[in-house]
Every structure is written in structure tokens, then in C-alpha cells.
C-alpha atoms as a PDB file:
ATOM      1  CA  MET A   1     -12.071   8.508  31.147  1.00  0.00           C
ATOM      2  CA  LYS A   2     -13.694  11.179  29.049  1.00  0.00           C
ATOM      3  CA  ARG A   3     -15.039  10.183  25.670  1.00  0.00           C
ATOM      4  CA  ARG A   4     -12.503  12.217  23.637  1.00  0.00           C
ATOM      5  CA  ALA A   5      -9.541  10.965  25.692  1.00  0.00           C
ATOM      6  CA  ARG A   6     -10.745   7.372  25.311  1.00  0.00           C
ATOM      7  CA  GLN A   7     -11.206   7.850  21.573  1.00  0.00           C
ATOM      8  CA  ASP A   8      -7.691   9.304  21.235  1.00  0.00           C
ATOM      9  CA  ALA A   9      -6.252   6.405  23.238  1.00  0.00           C
ATOM     10  CA  ASP A  10      -8.043   3.883  21.026  1.00  0.00           C
ATOM     11  CA  GLU A  11      -6.765   5.569  17.862  1.00  0.00           C
ATOM     12  CA  LYS A  12      -3.179   5.623  19.126  1.00  0.00           C
ATOM     13  CA  GLN A  13      -3.403   1.980  20.099  1.00  0.00           C
ATOM     14  CA  TYR A  14      -4.029   0.880  16.532  1.00  0.00           C
ATOM     15  CA  TRP A  15      -1.663   3.224  14.697  1.00  0.00           C
ATOM     16  CA  SER A  16       0.961   0.607  13.789  1.00  0.00           C
ATOM     17  CA  ALA A  17      -1.657  -1.907  12.710  1.00  0.00           C
ATOM     18  CA  GLU A  18      -3.201   0.766  10.498  1.00  0.00           C
ATOM     19  CA  VAL A  19       0.174   1.558   8.909  1.00  0.00           C
ATOM     20  CA  THR A  20       0.911  -2.122   8.394  1.00  0.00           C
ATOM     21  CA  ARG A  21      -2.453  -2.642   6.645  1.00  0.00           C
ATOM     22  CA  LYS A  22      -2.536   0.512   4.543  1.00  0.00           C
ATOM     23  CA  SER A  23       1.143   1.170   3.896  1.00  0.00           C
ATOM     24  CA  ASP A  24       2.182   2.146   0.388  1.00  0.00           C
ATOM     25  CA  ALA A  25       5.341   0.145   0.927  1.00  0.00           C
ATOM     26  CA  LEU A  26       3.932  -3.335   0.348  1.00  0.00           C
ATOM     27  CA  ASP A  27       1.083  -5.765   0.834  1.00  0.00           C
ATOM     28  CA  LEU A  28       2.057  -8.215   3.547  1.00  0.00           C
ATOM     29  CA  GLU A  29       1.056 -11.824   3.910  1.00  0.00           C
ATOM     30  CA  PRO A  30      -1.392 -12.031   6.839  1.00  0.00           C
ATOM     31  CA  GLY A  31       0.324 -13.027  10.087  1.00  0.00           C
ATOM     32  CA  VAL A  32       3.830 -12.729   8.678  1.00  0.00           C
ATOM     33  CA  PHE A  33       5.214 -11.218  11.895  1.00  0.00           C
ATOM     34  CA  SER A  34       3.734 -13.967  14.054  1.00  0.00           C
ATOM     35  CA  GLU A  35       5.702 -16.718  12.276  1.00  0.00           C
ATOM     36  CA  ASP A  36       8.248 -18.594  14.402  1.00  0.00           C
ATOM     37  CA  ASP A  37      10.776 -19.140  11.603  1.00  0.00           C
ATOM     38  CA  PRO A  38      12.967 -16.093  10.791  1.00  0.00           C
ATOM     39  CA  LYS A  39      13.737 -17.505   7.334  1.00  0.00           C
ATOM     40  CA  ARG A  40      10.045 -17.752   6.531  1.00  0.00           C
ATOM     41  CA  ILE A  41       9.467 -14.158   7.696  1.00  0.00           C
ATOM     42  CA  ALA A  42      12.355 -12.933   5.535  1.00  0.00           C
ATOM     43  CA  ARG A  43      11.211 -14.846   2.449  1.00  0.00           C
ATOM     44  CA  SER A  44       7.663 -13.557   2.855  1.00  0.00           C
ATOM     45  CA  LEU A  45       8.823  -9.947   3.222  1.00  0.00           C
ATOM     46  CA  LYS A  46      11.103 -10.307   0.209  1.00  0.00           C
ATOM     47  CA  ALA A  47       8.310 -11.746  -1.943  1.00  0.00           C
ATOM     48  CA  SER A  48       5.892  -9.025  -0.829  1.00  0.00           C
ATOM     49  CA  ALA A  49       8.423  -6.283  -1.543  1.00  0.00           C
ATOM     50  CA  GLU A  50       9.382  -7.631  -4.950  1.00  0.00           C
ATOM     51  CA  HIS A  51       5.765  -8.017  -6.069  1.00  0.00           C
ATOM     52  CA  SER A  52       4.565  -4.663  -4.773  1.00  0.00           C
ATOM     53  CA  LYS A  53       3.750  -2.067  -7.409  1.00  0.00           C
ATOM     54  CA  ARG A  54       3.131   0.652  -4.807  1.00  0.00           C
ATOM     55  CA  ARG A  55       6.491   0.872  -3.056  1.00  0.00           C
ATOM     56  CA  LYS A  56       8.477   4.054  -3.442  1.00  0.00           C
ATOM     57  CA  ALA A  57      11.911   2.663  -2.507  1.00  0.00           C
ATOM     58  CA  GLY A  58      13.774  -0.494  -3.448  1.00  0.00           C
ATOM     59  CA  ALA A  59      12.525  -3.920  -2.452  1.00  0.00           C
ATOM     60  CA  TYR A  60      15.184  -4.436   0.240  1.00  0.00           C
ATOM     61  CA  GLN A  61      14.589  -1.040   1.837  1.00  0.00           C
ATOM     62  CA  SER A  62      10.819  -1.512   1.830  1.00  0.00           C
ATOM     63  CA  ALA A  63      11.013  -4.972   3.390  1.00  0.00           C
ATOM     64  CA  MET A  64      13.505  -3.918   6.072  1.00  0.00           C
ATOM     65  CA  SER A  65      11.515  -0.765   6.825  1.00  0.00           C
ATOM     66  CA  MET A  66       8.333  -2.738   7.394  1.00  0.00           C
ATOM     67  CA  LEU A  67      10.142  -5.167   9.703  1.00  0.00           C
ATOM     68  CA  ASN A  68      11.732  -2.312  11.668  1.00  0.00           C
ATOM     69  CA  LEU A  69       8.402  -0.507  11.886  1.00  0.00           C
ATOM     70  CA  PHE A  70       6.799  -3.564  13.432  1.00  0.00           C
ATOM     71  CA  ILE A  71       9.626  -4.038  15.951  1.00  0.00           C
ATOM     72  CA  ASN A  72       9.786  -0.363  16.909  1.00  0.00           C
ATOM     73  CA  ARG A  73       6.043   0.123  17.233  1.00  0.00           C
ATOM     74  CA  ALA A  74       5.688  -2.946  19.449  1.00  0.00           C
ATOM     75  CA  GLY A  75       8.313  -1.458  21.775  1.00  0.00           C
ATOM     76  CA  ARG A  76       8.288  -2.799  25.312  1.00  0.00           C
ATOM     77  CA  ASN A  77       5.156  -4.832  24.592  1.00  0.00           C
ATOM     78  CA  LEU A  78       7.145  -7.153  22.330  1.00  0.00           C
ATOM     79  CA  PRO A  79       8.186 -10.267  24.279  1.00  0.00           C
ATOM     80  CA  ALA A  80      11.934 -10.994  24.301  1.00  0.00           C
ATOM     81  CA  GLU A  81      11.448 -14.288  22.458  1.00  0.00           C
ATOM     82  CA  ARG A  82       9.448 -12.616  19.656  1.00  0.00           C
ATOM     83  CA  LYS A  83      11.988  -9.790  19.387  1.00  0.00           C
ATOM     84  CA  MET A  84      14.808 -12.317  19.077  1.00  0.00           C
ATOM     85  CA  ILE A  85      12.979 -14.068  16.223  1.00  0.00           C
ATOM     86  CA  LEU A  86      12.370 -10.756  14.433  1.00  0.00           C
ATOM     87  CA  GLU A  87      15.996  -9.652  14.895  1.00  0.00           C
ATOM     88  CA  LYS A  88      17.088 -12.965  13.346  1.00  0.00           C
ATOM     89  CA  ALA A  89      14.646 -12.248  10.511  1.00  0.00           C
ATOM     90  CA  LYS A  90      16.541  -8.993   9.848  1.00  0.00           C
ATOM     91  CA  VAL A  91      19.782 -10.954   9.477  1.00  0.00           C
ATOM     92  CA  GLU A  92      18.027 -13.451   7.223  1.00  0.00           C
ATOM     93  CA  LEU A  93      16.475 -10.631   5.161  1.00  0.00           C
ATOM     94  CA  ARG A  94      19.938  -9.215   4.532  1.00  0.00           C
ATOM     95  CA  ARG A  95      21.066 -12.696   3.463  1.00  0.00           C
ATOM     96  CA  VAL A  96      18.186 -13.347   1.038  1.00  0.00           C
ATOM     97  CA  PHE A  97      18.788  -9.969  -0.590  1.00  0.00           C
ATOM     98  CA  GLY A  98      22.534 -10.690  -0.826  1.00  0.00           C
ATOM     99  CA  ARG A  99      23.490  -7.859   1.533  1.00  0.00           C
ATOM    100  CA  GLU A 100      25.454  -9.766   4.160  1.00  0.00           C
END
């Protein structure tokens, strides 16, 4: 692989991680998306969104956007079990924000 092509591939590989780290939406608790409990993921996202001074939208929208970004960017590489946990976290996030 040529140097430039390899460099481009490496940059694309880390795009979602870069967005997650440097997003203006909110500062996330480290490892939040690797938790096994959807309720814990939702509570962490809610706390991060409510405490963020940098977000441009409401707390609910920012938290849900970050969760969707993670799910969408993982794409086919996201194992079915992990996706199921994160989808349950979306339901739980709606519940903790009173948007059922």
C-alpha cells in the first residue's frame, strides 16, 4: 500500500473516535459505550449532557446524538450483542429524560 493511501486509511479508521473525543456536544465518561448495563449507559450520557457547557442543542438531543453516532459509525463491526445493549440504552435514555 502506498504511503498516502495507508495514511488516508488510518485517518478514516479513527474518525468516529476523534469525534467522540473532541465533540462539542459533550464530554463523555471514558468507556461509557463499553458498559454492559443499558441503564448505566443512559444515566452516564444524561449526566454528561446536562453538565456540558459546550453543547449547542438540548441535553436529550446531544445525548441521543452521541449514542446514535457511536452505533452508526461502528456499523457492521458492531457485534449483535453490543448493538442490542446500545439499542436498549436508547430506550432507557428516552425514559430517563421523560420522553417515553
